[in-house]
C-alpha cells in the first residue's frame, strides 16, 4: 500500500460512513437516531472527511 493510500484511507472511510447515514434515512427509511439528527451527523461526518482528505493530500504533495 502506498503512502497516499495509507494517508487517505481513514478520510475516505469517514466520507463513506457519512454518506451511508444519509442514504439509509433518505432511501431506506432506516433511522438509527431521530430523523434530522441522522442526516445532520452524516453531513458533518462527510464534510469532515473531505476536509481531512484535502489536508492529507496537501501534506503528501509537499513532501518529496
N, C-alpha and C. Protein backbone atom coordinates (compact mmCIF):
# COMPACT_ATOMS: atom_id res chain seq x y z
N UNK A 1 0.84 -1.16 0.00
CA UNK A 1 0.00 0.00 0.00
C UNK A 1 0.90 1.24 0.00
N UNK A 2 0.61 2.19 -0.86
CA UNK A 2 1.42 3.39 -0.97
C UNK A 2 1.13 4.34 0.20
N UNK A 3 2.02 5.33 0.36
CA UNK A 3 1.82 6.32 1.42
C UNK A 3 0.54 7.12 1.19
N UNK A 4 0.23 7.41 -0.05
CA UNK A 4 -1.00 8.13 -0.38
C UNK A 4 -2.22 7.33 0.06
N UNK A 5 -2.23 6.06 -0.23
CA UNK A 5 -3.36 5.22 0.15
C UNK A 5 -3.49 5.11 1.66
N UNK A 6 -2.36 4.99 2.35
CA UNK A 6 -2.39 4.91 3.81
C UNK A 6 -2.91 6.20 4.43
N UNK A 7 -2.48 7.33 3.90
CA UNK A 7 -2.85 8.62 4.47
C UNK A 7 -4.30 8.99 4.20
N UNK A 8 -4.87 8.49 3.11
CA UNK A 8 -6.22 8.89 2.76
C UNK A 8 -7.28 7.82 3.04
N UNK A 9 -6.89 6.70 3.61
CA UNK A 9 -7.85 5.63 3.88
C UNK A 9 -8.90 6.05 4.91
N UNK A 10 -8.47 6.58 6.04
CA UNK A 10 -9.41 6.98 7.09
C UNK A 10 -10.36 8.09 6.63
N UNK A 11 -9.87 9.15 5.96
CA UNK A 11 -10.80 10.17 5.50
C UNK A 11 -11.83 9.63 4.50
N UNK A 12 -11.40 8.72 3.64
CA UNK A 12 -12.35 8.14 2.68
C UNK A 12 -13.41 7.31 3.38
N UNK A 13 -13.01 6.58 4.41
CA UNK A 13 -13.98 5.80 5.18
C UNK A 13 -14.95 6.71 5.93
N UNK A 14 -14.47 7.84 6.44
CA UNK A 14 -15.33 8.79 7.14
C UNK A 14 -16.38 9.36 6.19
N UNK A 15 -15.98 9.69 4.98
CA UNK A 15 -16.93 10.18 3.98
C UNK A 15 -17.95 9.09 3.66
N UNK A 16 -17.50 7.86 3.53
CA UNK A 16 -18.40 6.75 3.24
C UNK A 16 -19.42 6.55 4.35
N UNK A 17 -18.99 6.63 5.59
CA UNK A 17 -19.91 6.48 6.72
C UNK A 17 -20.94 7.60 6.71
N UNK A 18 -20.49 8.82 6.47
CA UNK A 18 -21.42 9.95 6.41
C UNK A 18 -22.44 9.79 5.29
N UNK A 19 -21.98 9.38 4.14
CA UNK A 19 -22.89 9.17 3.01
C UNK A 19 -23.85 8.02 3.29
N UNK A 20 -23.37 6.98 3.96
CA UNK A 20 -24.25 5.85 4.29
C UNK A 20 -25.34 6.26 5.26
N UNK A 21 -25.01 7.09 6.24
CA UNK A 21 -26.03 7.56 7.18
C UNK A 21 -27.12 8.34 6.46
N UNK A 22 -26.70 9.20 5.55
CA UNK A 22 -27.68 9.99 4.79
C UNK A 22 -28.52 9.09 3.90
N UNK A 23 -27.87 8.16 3.20
CA UNK A 23 -28.58 7.28 2.27
C UNK A 23 -29.53 6.33 3.00
N UNK A 24 -29.15 5.85 4.16
CA UNK A 24 -30.03 4.96 4.91
C UNK A 24 -31.35 5.63 5.23
N UNK A 25 -31.30 6.88 5.66
CA UNK A 25 -32.53 7.59 6.00
C UNK A 25 -33.29 8.02 4.76
N UNK A 26 -32.57 8.51 3.76
CA UNK A 26 -33.23 9.06 2.58
C UNK A 26 -33.88 7.97 1.72
N UNK A 27 -33.13 6.94 1.43
CA UNK A 27 -33.62 5.92 0.51
C UNK A 27 -34.18 4.68 1.18
N UNK A 28 -33.66 4.36 2.36
CA UNK A 28 -34.10 3.12 3.01
C UNK A 28 -35.10 3.33 4.12
N UNK A 29 -35.22 4.55 4.62
CA UNK A 29 -36.12 4.81 5.72
C UNK A 29 -35.64 4.25 7.04
N UNK A 30 -34.35 3.94 7.12
CA UNK A 30 -33.77 3.38 8.35
C UNK A 30 -33.26 4.54 9.20
N UNK A 31 -33.81 4.67 10.39
CA UNK A 31 -33.40 5.74 11.29
C UNK A 31 -32.67 5.15 12.49
N UNK A 32 -31.35 5.32 12.53
CA UNK A 32 -30.57 4.86 13.66
C UNK A 32 -30.71 5.83 14.84
N UNK A 33 -30.88 7.09 14.53
CA UNK A 33 -31.15 8.15 15.51
C UNK A 33 -32.30 8.98 14.93
N UNK A 34 -32.92 9.87 15.70
CA UNK A 34 -34.04 10.66 15.17
C UNK A 34 -33.69 11.35 13.85
N UNK A 35 -34.70 11.53 13.01
CA UNK A 35 -34.54 11.93 11.61
C UNK A 35 -33.63 13.12 11.34
N UNK A 36 -33.89 14.31 11.84
CA UNK A 36 -33.00 15.39 11.41
C UNK A 36 -31.57 15.20 11.91
N UNK A 37 -31.42 14.53 13.03
CA UNK A 37 -30.09 14.34 13.60
C UNK A 37 -29.24 13.40 12.74
N UNK A 38 -29.83 12.36 12.20
CA UNK A 38 -29.07 11.39 11.41
C UNK A 38 -28.52 12.02 10.15
N UNK A 39 -29.32 12.76 9.44
CA UNK A 39 -28.83 13.38 8.21
C UNK A 39 -27.82 14.49 8.52
N UNK A 40 -28.02 15.21 9.61
CA UNK A 40 -27.06 16.25 10.00
C UNK A 40 -25.72 15.64 10.37
N UNK A 41 -25.74 14.58 11.17
CA UNK A 41 -24.49 13.92 11.56
C UNK A 41 -23.80 13.33 10.32
N UNK A 42 -24.57 12.75 9.42
CA UNK A 42 -24.00 12.22 8.19
C UNK A 42 -23.33 13.30 7.36
N UNK A 43 -23.96 14.45 7.26
CA UNK A 43 -23.37 15.57 6.52
C UNK A 43 -22.11 16.09 7.17
N UNK A 44 -22.13 16.20 8.50
CA UNK A 44 -20.95 16.68 9.22
C UNK A 44 -19.79 15.70 9.06
N UNK A 45 -20.07 14.41 9.19
CA UNK A 45 -19.02 13.40 9.00
C UNK A 45 -18.46 13.45 7.59
N UNK A 46 -19.33 13.60 6.60
CA UNK A 46 -18.88 13.67 5.22
C UNK A 46 -17.99 14.88 4.96
N UNK A 47 -18.41 16.04 5.46
CA UNK A 47 -17.60 17.25 5.27
C UNK A 47 -16.27 17.16 6.03
N UNK A 48 -16.30 16.59 7.22
CA UNK A 48 -15.06 16.43 7.98
C UNK A 48 -14.11 15.50 7.24
N UNK A 49 -14.65 14.44 6.64
CA UNK A 49 -13.82 13.52 5.87
C UNK A 49 -13.21 14.18 4.65
N UNK A 50 -13.97 15.02 3.98
CA UNK A 50 -13.45 15.73 2.81
C UNK A 50 -12.33 16.69 3.23
N UNK A 51 -12.54 17.43 4.32
CA UNK A 51 -11.51 18.36 4.79
C UNK A 51 -10.24 17.60 5.18
N UNK A 52 -10.40 16.48 5.87
CA UNK A 52 -9.25 15.67 6.29
C UNK A 52 -8.51 15.12 5.07
N UNK A 53 -9.27 14.69 4.07
CA UNK A 53 -8.67 14.17 2.84
C UNK A 53 -7.83 15.24 2.16
N UNK A 54 -8.36 16.45 2.08
CA UNK A 54 -7.63 17.54 1.44
C UNK A 54 -6.35 17.85 2.19
N UNK A 55 -6.43 17.88 3.52
CA UNK A 55 -5.23 18.14 4.32
C UNK A 55 -4.19 17.04 4.14
N UNK A 56 -4.62 15.79 4.12
CA UNK A 56 -3.68 14.68 3.92
C UNK A 56 -3.06 14.74 2.54
N UNK A 57 -3.84 15.07 1.54
CA UNK A 57 -3.33 15.17 0.18
C UNK A 57 -2.30 16.28 0.06
N UNK A 58 -2.60 17.42 0.65
CA UNK A 58 -1.68 18.56 0.57
C UNK A 58 -0.37 18.25 1.30
N UNK A 59 -0.46 17.54 2.43
CA UNK A 59 0.74 17.19 3.17
C UNK A 59 1.62 16.24 2.36
N UNK A 60 1.02 15.28 1.71
CA UNK A 60 1.78 14.32 0.90
C UNK A 60 2.39 14.99 -0.33
N UNK A 61 1.69 15.95 -0.88
CA UNK A 61 2.19 16.63 -2.08
C UNK A 61 3.40 17.50 -1.77
N UNK A 62 3.47 18.07 -0.56
CA UNK A 62 4.58 18.92 -0.19
C UNK A 62 5.85 18.14 0.11
N UNK A 63 5.70 16.91 0.61
CA UNK A 63 6.86 16.11 0.94
C UNK A 63 7.49 15.54 -0.32
N UNK A 64 8.82 15.46 -0.37
CA UNK A 64 9.48 14.95 -1.58
C UNK A 64 9.28 13.47 -1.78
